[in-house]
Amino acid sequence: MEIRKLQLTGGSSLAITLPKKWVDHFGLKSKDTVIIYSQKSGSLIIQPARHKEQLLKTVLKIDGLTKDMLTRELIAHYISGSDEVIIKSQRITHDQRNRIREVSHSLIGYEIIDESSEEVFIKNIFDATKFPIIQNVEKMFVIAKSMFNDAIKAITQNNKALARDVIDRDFEIDKLQLAIMRQFYTLIQGRIYDEEIGLSQADLNYYESVATQLERIADHAVKIAKVVITVDKKLESIVSSHIKNITKKVLPLLEYSEEMVRKLDKTLAHKILDKNPEVERILSVDKTVKSFKEVIVADSLDRLRGYVMNIAEITIDQAIAKKES
């Protein structure tokens, strides 16, 4: 850290000199251009103009990786903010190549530019400054709500077509959640700034946390939908009244949480959290459910309750932090 005094220049402007080590590190000289970013915290960030244009380039070696391992590592490159990924192998197998295409398709902005027997070149065309975080979190709420409502409808009606549609919708919610995670990591790395996206690190951390909870909620909608597809047709198509009672208490919480996040309403967050003991009591009643699929539904509804409570808690934290700042 260096402490410097402001100097009056030109009669009304204030100036400071830049640290010599910093100037030498970037090879700057007189008349070179720097970019100044104003952060929501009140701090300023100074960056050489040419530094802004630098791309993050990474290499992913996939020799010996299974398809699942390849998936995890390629997603990790995406989340970490890599702009260009060269996937290398002594020989890329047919299965690996198909998996690379599938994963790239699921990552907003990643495009395969070139391929050979030993390499696949992926480039990011995603502009981090033009991705509206808040609107996309709202979109995730809409998708997650529709998935869970339709999953419950599918299992009560034994509707396999509707269940498959719920599973298909999960693809979109995963894409949005990964893009928001990428935004967050890119921001904390200092590769984009508050001023460019209109959100502080604390704001983006909040929305990234909400998006993660919504992605997990969607996963449980998928879990219910998969039961509909896989169970024997001879099983009861109508779940018990106990499960229906739980559903009536739990699903509205997701509606309330959407409004709570949109308004950053800590009063509503408290109301949601105050409902938790009552919902937990209902969930604990009559543990002897009648079928395997009822166990799945009850567990998934309980997980939904837990994720909504998580969102309510972090909303209170965020609302108070915003007020204090």
Protein backbone atom coordinates (compact mmCIF):
# COMPACT_ATOMS: atom_id res chain seq x y z
CA MET A 1 0.00 0.00 0.00
CA GLU A 2 1.16 3.51 -0.79
CA ILE A 3 -0.24 6.75 0.61
CA ARG A 4 -0.12 9.79 -1.65
CA LYS A 5 -1.37 13.33 -1.32
CA LEU A 6 -3.65 14.96 -3.87
CA GLN A 7 -2.11 17.85 -5.78
CA LEU A 8 -3.97 20.81 -7.23
CA THR A 9 -3.40 21.19 -10.99
CA GLY A 10 -4.84 23.61 -13.50
CA GLY A 11 -6.55 25.63 -10.83
CA SER A 12 -9.41 23.20 -10.09
CA SER A 13 -8.34 19.60 -10.85
CA LEU A 14 -6.79 17.22 -8.31
CA ALA A 15 -4.13 14.71 -9.36
CA ILE A 16 -1.87 12.00 -7.93
CA THR A 17 1.25 10.41 -9.37
CA LEU A 18 1.23 6.70 -10.19
CA PRO A 19 3.62 4.33 -8.33
CA LYS A 20 6.83 3.76 -10.31
CA LYS A 21 6.78 -0.01 -9.75
CA TRP A 22 3.28 -0.23 -11.19
CA VAL A 23 4.20 1.94 -14.19
CA ASP A 24 7.35 -0.13 -14.86
CA HIS A 25 5.45 -3.41 -14.48
CA PHE A 26 3.14 -2.47 -17.36
CA GLY A 27 5.83 -0.63 -19.35
CA LEU A 28 3.86 2.60 -19.40
CA LYS A 29 5.21 5.92 -20.58
CA SER A 30 4.04 9.50 -20.99
CA LYS A 31 0.90 9.90 -23.15
CA ASP A 32 -0.12 6.21 -22.71
CA THR A 33 -3.82 5.66 -21.98
CA VAL A 34 -5.24 4.21 -18.79
CA ILE A 35 -8.83 3.29 -17.96
CA ILE A 36 -10.37 4.39 -14.66
CA TYR A 37 -13.30 2.42 -13.24
CA SER A 38 -15.51 3.81 -10.48
CA GLN A 39 -16.63 1.02 -8.13
CA LYS A 40 -19.92 1.04 -6.24
CA SER A 41 -17.88 0.90 -3.03
CA GLY A 42 -16.45 4.34 -3.91
CA SER A 43 -12.99 3.08 -4.84
CA LEU A 44 -11.29 3.68 -8.19
CA ILE A 45 -9.49 1.08 -10.29
CA ILE A 46 -6.83 2.17 -12.78
CA GLN A 47 -5.88 -0.21 -15.57
CA PRO A 48 -3.69 0.13 -18.68
CA ALA A 49 -5.95 0.33 -21.74
CA ARG A 50 -4.13 -2.49 -23.53
CA HIS A 51 -4.43 -4.75 -20.48
CA LYS A 52 -8.21 -4.68 -20.91
CA GLU A 53 -7.89 -6.33 -24.31
CA GLN A 54 -5.92 -9.35 -23.06
CA LEU A 55 -7.73 -12.67 -23.32
CA LEU A 56 -7.47 -15.48 -20.80
CA LYS A 57 -6.21 -18.50 -22.74
CA THR A 58 -6.08 -21.99 -21.24
CA VAL A 59 -5.19 -25.52 -22.30
CA LEU A 60 -7.18 -28.61 -21.31
CA LYS A 61 -5.38 -31.94 -21.77
CA ILE A 62 -7.89 -34.78 -21.88
CA ASP A 63 -5.69 -37.88 -22.27
CA GLY A 64 -7.04 -40.47 -19.84
CA LEU A 65 -10.12 -38.45 -18.90
CA THR A 66 -13.52 -40.11 -18.88
CA LYS A 67 -16.47 -38.27 -20.41
CA ASP A 68 -17.66 -37.15 -16.99
CA MET A 69 -14.20 -35.93 -16.00
CA LEU A 70 -13.93 -34.03 -19.30
CA THR A 71 -17.33 -32.42 -18.61
CA ARG A 72 -16.30 -31.24 -15.15
CA GLU A 73 -12.99 -29.79 -16.31
CA LEU A 74 -14.39 -27.99 -19.36
CA ILE A 75 -17.10 -26.41 -17.19
CA ALA A 76 -14.40 -25.37 -14.71
CA HIS A 77 -12.48 -23.60 -17.51
CA TYR A 78 -15.70 -21.80 -18.45
CA ILE A 79 -16.53 -20.71 -14.90
CA SER A 80 -12.97 -19.52 -14.27
CA GLY A 81 -13.42 -17.04 -17.12
CA SER A 82 -11.32 -18.62 -19.87
CA ASP A 83 -11.83 -16.82 -23.21
CA GLU A 84 -10.06 -19.40 -25.34
CA VAL A 85 -9.67 -23.10 -24.55
CA ILE A 86 -7.49 -25.47 -26.53
CA ILE A 87 -8.49 -29.07 -25.78
CA LYS A 88 -5.57 -31.38 -26.51
CA SER A 89 -5.11 -35.14 -26.74
CA GLN A 90 -2.86 -37.58 -28.55
CA ARG A 91 -6.08 -38.70 -30.20
CA ILE A 92 -9.51 -37.32 -29.40
CA THR A 93 -11.99 -40.22 -29.38
CA HIS A 94 -15.42 -40.09 -30.97
CA ASP A 95 -17.10 -40.16 -27.54
CA GLN A 96 -14.87 -37.37 -26.24
CA ARG A 97 -15.57 -35.21 -29.28
CA ASN A 98 -19.32 -35.68 -28.89
CA ARG A 99 -19.10 -34.80 -25.21
CA ILE A 100 -17.09 -31.64 -26.00
CA ARG A 101 -19.83 -30.57 -28.41
CA GLU A 102 -22.58 -31.31 -25.89
CA VAL A 103 -20.87 -29.38 -23.09
CA SER A 104 -19.97 -26.43 -25.34
CA HIS A 105 -23.61 -26.21 -26.40
CA SER A 106 -24.63 -25.97 -22.73
CA LEU A 107 -22.27 -23.04 -21.99
CA ILE A 108 -23.50 -19.60 -23.04
CA GLY A 109 -20.92 -18.00 -25.31
CA TYR A 110 -18.66 -21.00 -25.97
CA GLU A 111 -18.27 -21.83 -29.67
CA ILE A 112 -16.12 -24.49 -31.32
CA ILE A 113 -13.97 -22.62 -33.85
CA ASP A 114 -11.63 -25.32 -35.15
CA GLU A 115 -11.07 -29.07 -34.79
CA SER A 116 -8.42 -31.63 -35.65
CA SER A 117 -7.67 -35.21 -34.59
CA GLU A 118 -5.60 -33.88 -31.68
CA GLU A 119 -7.13 -30.51 -30.79
CA VAL A 120 -10.42 -28.67 -30.41
CA PHE A 121 -10.29 -24.87 -30.23
CA ILE A 122 -13.12 -23.19 -28.30
CA LYS A 123 -13.60 -19.42 -28.19
CA ASN A 124 -15.85 -17.36 -25.97
CA ILE A 125 -18.15 -14.88 -27.73
CA PHE A 126 -20.01 -14.05 -24.52
CA ASP A 127 -19.87 -10.34 -23.62
CA ALA A 128 -19.87 -10.22 -19.83
CA THR A 129 -20.96 -6.58 -19.80
CA LYS A 130 -24.16 -7.32 -21.74
CA PHE A 131 -25.49 -10.21 -19.66
CA PRO A 132 -28.29 -8.88 -17.41
CA ILE A 133 -27.80 -10.74 -14.12
CA ILE A 134 -30.97 -9.67 -12.32
CA GLN A 135 -33.24 -10.37 -15.30
CA ASN A 136 -31.71 -13.82 -15.76
CA VAL A 137 -32.16 -14.68 -12.07
CA GLU A 138 -35.81 -13.69 -12.53
CA LYS A 139 -35.95 -15.97 -15.56
CA MET A 140 -34.52 -18.81 -13.46
CA PHE A 141 -37.33 -18.28 -10.94
CA VAL A 142 -39.93 -18.60 -13.71
CA ILE A 143 -38.37 -21.80 -15.05
CA ALA A 144 -37.85 -23.37 -11.61
CA LYS A 145 -41.45 -22.65 -10.56
CA SER A 146 -42.89 -24.11 -13.75
CA MET A 147 -40.64 -27.18 -13.47
CA PHE A 148 -41.66 -27.96 -9.90
CA ASN A 149 -45.38 -27.34 -10.47
CA ASP A 150 -45.35 -29.52 -13.58
CA ALA A 151 -43.29 -32.22 -11.86
CA ILE A 152 -45.95 -32.46 -9.13
CA LYS A 153 -48.68 -32.50 -11.76
CA ALA A 154 -46.85 -35.21 -13.71
CA ILE A 155 -46.51 -37.50 -10.70
CA THR A 156 -50.12 -37.05 -9.57
CA GLN A 157 -51.39 -37.73 -13.10
CA ASN A 158 -48.70 -40.27 -14.06
CA ASN A 159 -48.02 -38.04 -17.08
CA LYS A 160 -44.74 -39.22 -18.62
CA ALA A 161 -44.77 -36.69 -21.47
CA LEU A 162 -45.01 -33.80 -19.03
CA ALA A 163 -42.26 -35.36 -16.90
CA ARG A 164 -39.92 -35.50 -19.92
CA ASP A 165 -40.68 -31.85 -20.64
CA VAL A 166 -39.69 -30.94 -17.06
CA ILE A 167 -36.36 -32.72 -17.52
CA ASP A 168 -35.73 -30.90 -20.81
CA ARG A 169 -36.26 -27.50 -19.16
CA ASP A 170 -33.44 -28.16 -16.71
CA PHE A 171 -30.95 -27.57 -19.55
CA GLU A 172 -31.85 -23.87 -19.71
CA ILE A 173 -31.64 -23.28 -15.97
CA ASP A 174 -28.21 -24.96 -15.85
CA LYS A 175 -26.96 -22.70 -18.65
CA LEU A 176 -28.06 -19.55 -16.84
CA GLN A 177 -26.60 -20.63 -13.51
CA LEU A 178 -23.20 -21.42 -15.04
CA ALA A 179 -23.16 -18.09 -16.89
CA ILE A 180 -23.87 -16.22 -13.64
CA MET A 181 -21.09 -18.16 -11.90
CA ARG A 182 -18.74 -17.15 -14.72
CA GLN A 183 -19.77 -13.52 -14.25
CA PHE A 184 -19.02 -13.70 -10.54
CA TYR A 185 -15.57 -15.24 -10.95
CA THR A 186 -14.69 -12.82 -13.74
CA LEU A 187 -15.66 -9.89 -11.51
CA ILE A 188 -13.64 -11.02 -8.49
CA GLN A 189 -10.64 -11.64 -10.78
CA GLY A 190 -10.81 -7.99 -11.84
CA ARG A 191 -11.45 -8.82 -15.50
CA ILE A 192 -14.75 -6.91 -15.47
CA TYR A 193 -15.78 -4.13 -13.10
CA ASP A 194 -18.80 -2.86 -11.17
CA GLU A 195 -19.23 0.09 -13.49
CA GLU A 196 -19.49 -2.16 -16.55
CA ILE A 197 -22.20 -4.50 -15.25
CA GLY A 198 -23.97 -2.17 -12.81
CA LEU A 199 -23.49 -4.50 -9.83
CA SER A 200 -20.96 -4.58 -7.02
CA GLN A 201 -19.13 -7.74 -5.98
CA ALA A 202 -21.48 -8.04 -3.00
CA ASP A 203 -24.53 -7.69 -5.29
CA LEU A 204 -23.27 -10.28 -7.74
CA ASN A 205 -22.33 -12.63 -4.89
CA TYR A 206 -25.95 -12.41 -3.70
CA TYR A 207 -27.47 -13.15 -7.10
CA GLU A 208 -24.99 -15.95 -7.75
CA SER A 209 -26.01 -17.53 -4.43
CA VAL A 210 -29.71 -17.22 -5.32
CA ALA A 211 -29.05 -18.75 -8.75
CA THR A 212 -27.28 -21.72 -7.14
CA GLN A 213 -30.28 -22.39 -4.87
CA LEU A 214 -32.64 -22.20 -7.87
CA GLU A 215 -30.52 -24.65 -9.84
CA ARG A 216 -30.74 -27.11 -6.94
CA ILE A 217 -34.51 -26.61 -6.73
CA ALA A 218 -34.75 -27.44 -10.44
CA ASP A 219 -32.68 -30.59 -9.86
CA HIS A 220 -35.32 -31.85 -7.43
CA ALA A 221 -38.06 -31.15 -9.95
CA VAL A 222 -36.07 -33.36 -12.33
CA LYS A 223 -35.75 -36.01 -9.62
CA ILE A 224 -39.53 -36.18 -9.28
CA ALA A 225 -39.98 -36.22 -13.06
CA LYS A 226 -37.56 -39.14 -13.43
CA VAL A 227 -39.62 -41.17 -10.96
CA VAL A 228 -42.67 -40.68 -13.19
CA ILE A 229 -40.76 -42.01 -16.18
CA THR A 230 -39.17 -45.00 -14.46
CA VAL A 231 -41.88 -46.36 -12.14
CA ASP A 232 -44.05 -49.33 -13.05
CA LYS A 233 -47.41 -48.31 -14.49
CA LYS A 234 -49.13 -50.51 -11.90
CA LEU A 235 -48.10 -48.18 -9.06
CA GLU A 236 -50.71 -45.78 -7.79
CA SER A 237 -50.95 -42.71 -10.02
CA ILE A 238 -52.32 -40.49 -7.25
CA VAL A 239 -50.11 -39.54 -4.29
CA SER A 240 -51.49 -39.47 -0.77
CA SER A 241 -53.40 -36.61 0.83
CA HIS A 242 -50.41 -36.09 3.12
CA ILE A 243 -48.17 -35.33 0.14
CA LYS A 244 -50.83 -33.03 -1.32
CA ASN A 245 -50.97 -31.17 1.98
CA ILE A 246 -47.19 -30.71 1.98
CA THR A 247 -47.31 -29.47 -1.61
CA LYS A 248 -49.91 -26.82 -0.78
CA LYS A 249 -47.69 -25.48 1.99
CA VAL A 250 -44.31 -25.65 0.25
CA LEU A 251 -44.86 -24.56 -3.36
CA PRO A 252 -46.22 -21.08 -2.45
CA LEU A 253 -42.92 -20.42 -0.64
CA LEU A 254 -41.18 -20.40 -4.01
CA GLU A 255 -43.65 -17.77 -5.27
CA TYR A 256 -43.02 -15.60 -2.22
CA SER A 257 -39.25 -15.94 -2.58
CA GLU A 258 -39.39 -14.65 -6.16
CA GLU A 259 -41.11 -11.47 -4.99
CA MET A 260 -38.72 -11.23 -2.04
CA VAL A 261 -35.64 -11.31 -4.28
CA ARG A 262 -37.12 -8.93 -6.85
CA LYS A 263 -37.88 -6.32 -4.18
CA LEU A 264 -34.97 -7.26 -1.88
CA ASP A 265 -37.65 -7.34 0.81
CA LYS A 266 -36.30 -8.41 4.20
CA THR A 267 -39.77 -8.13 5.77
CA LEU A 268 -41.07 -10.78 3.39
CA ALA A 269 -37.91 -12.82 4.02
CA HIS A 270 -38.74 -12.84 7.74
CA LYS A 271 -42.32 -13.96 6.98
CA ILE A 272 -41.01 -16.84 4.88
CA LEU A 273 -38.56 -17.91 7.59
CA ASP A 274 -41.31 -17.69 10.22
CA LYS A 275 -43.33 -20.25 8.22
CA ASN A 276 -40.49 -22.77 8.40
CA PRO A 277 -41.41 -24.44 11.74
CA GLU A 278 -44.98 -25.03 10.59
CA VAL A 279 -43.87 -26.55 7.28
CA GLU A 280 -41.29 -28.72 9.05
CA ARG A 281 -44.00 -30.05 11.38
CA ILE A 282 -46.19 -30.99 8.40
CA LEU A 283 -43.24 -32.72 6.74
CA SER A 284 -42.56 -34.74 9.88
CA VAL A 285 -46.14 -36.04 10.22
CA ASP A 286 -46.99 -39.55 9.01
CA LYS A 287 -43.56 -40.89 8.09
CA THR A 288 -45.14 -44.12 6.79
CA VAL A 289 -45.76 -42.94 3.23
CA LYS A 290 -47.39 -45.46 0.97
CA SER A 291 -44.96 -45.75 -1.98
CA PHE A 292 -41.40 -45.16 -3.11
CA LYS A 293 -42.43 -42.25 -5.30
CA GLU A 294 -44.08 -40.56 -2.31
CA VAL A 295 -40.75 -40.76 -0.48
CA ILE A 296 -39.06 -39.03 -3.42
CA VAL A 297 -41.71 -36.29 -3.58
CA ALA A 298 -41.65 -35.68 0.18
CA ASP A 299 -37.84 -35.46 0.22
CA SER A 300 -37.74 -33.12 -2.77
CA LEU A 301 -40.39 -30.85 -1.25
CA ASP A 302 -38.36 -30.76 1.95
CA ARG A 303 -35.25 -29.80 -0.04
CA LEU A 304 -37.26 -27.08 -1.81
CA ARG A 305 -38.27 -25.73 1.60
CA GLY A 306 -34.62 -25.69 2.70
CA TYR A 307 -33.39 -23.89 -0.43
CA VAL A 308 -36.12 -21.24 -0.13
CA MET A 309 -35.10 -20.66 3.50
CA ASN A 310 -31.49 -20.26 2.35
CA ILE A 311 -32.61 -17.60 -0.15
CA ALA A 312 -34.58 -15.81 2.58
CA GLU A 313 -31.57 -15.75 4.92
CA ILE A 314 -29.15 -14.36 2.34
CA THR A 315 -31.79 -11.82 1.28
CA ILE A 316 -31.89 -10.43 4.81
CA ASP A 317 -28.07 -10.23 4.80
CA GLN A 318 -28.06 -8.47 1.43
CA ALA A 319 -30.87 -6.04 2.33
CA ILE A 320 -29.12 -4.95 5.51
CA ALA A 321 -25.75 -4.65 3.79
CA LYS A 322 -27.30 -2.49 1.04
CA LYS A 323 -28.98 -0.26 3.60
CA GLU A 324 -25.76 0.22 5.58
CA SER A 325 -23.75 1.03 2.45
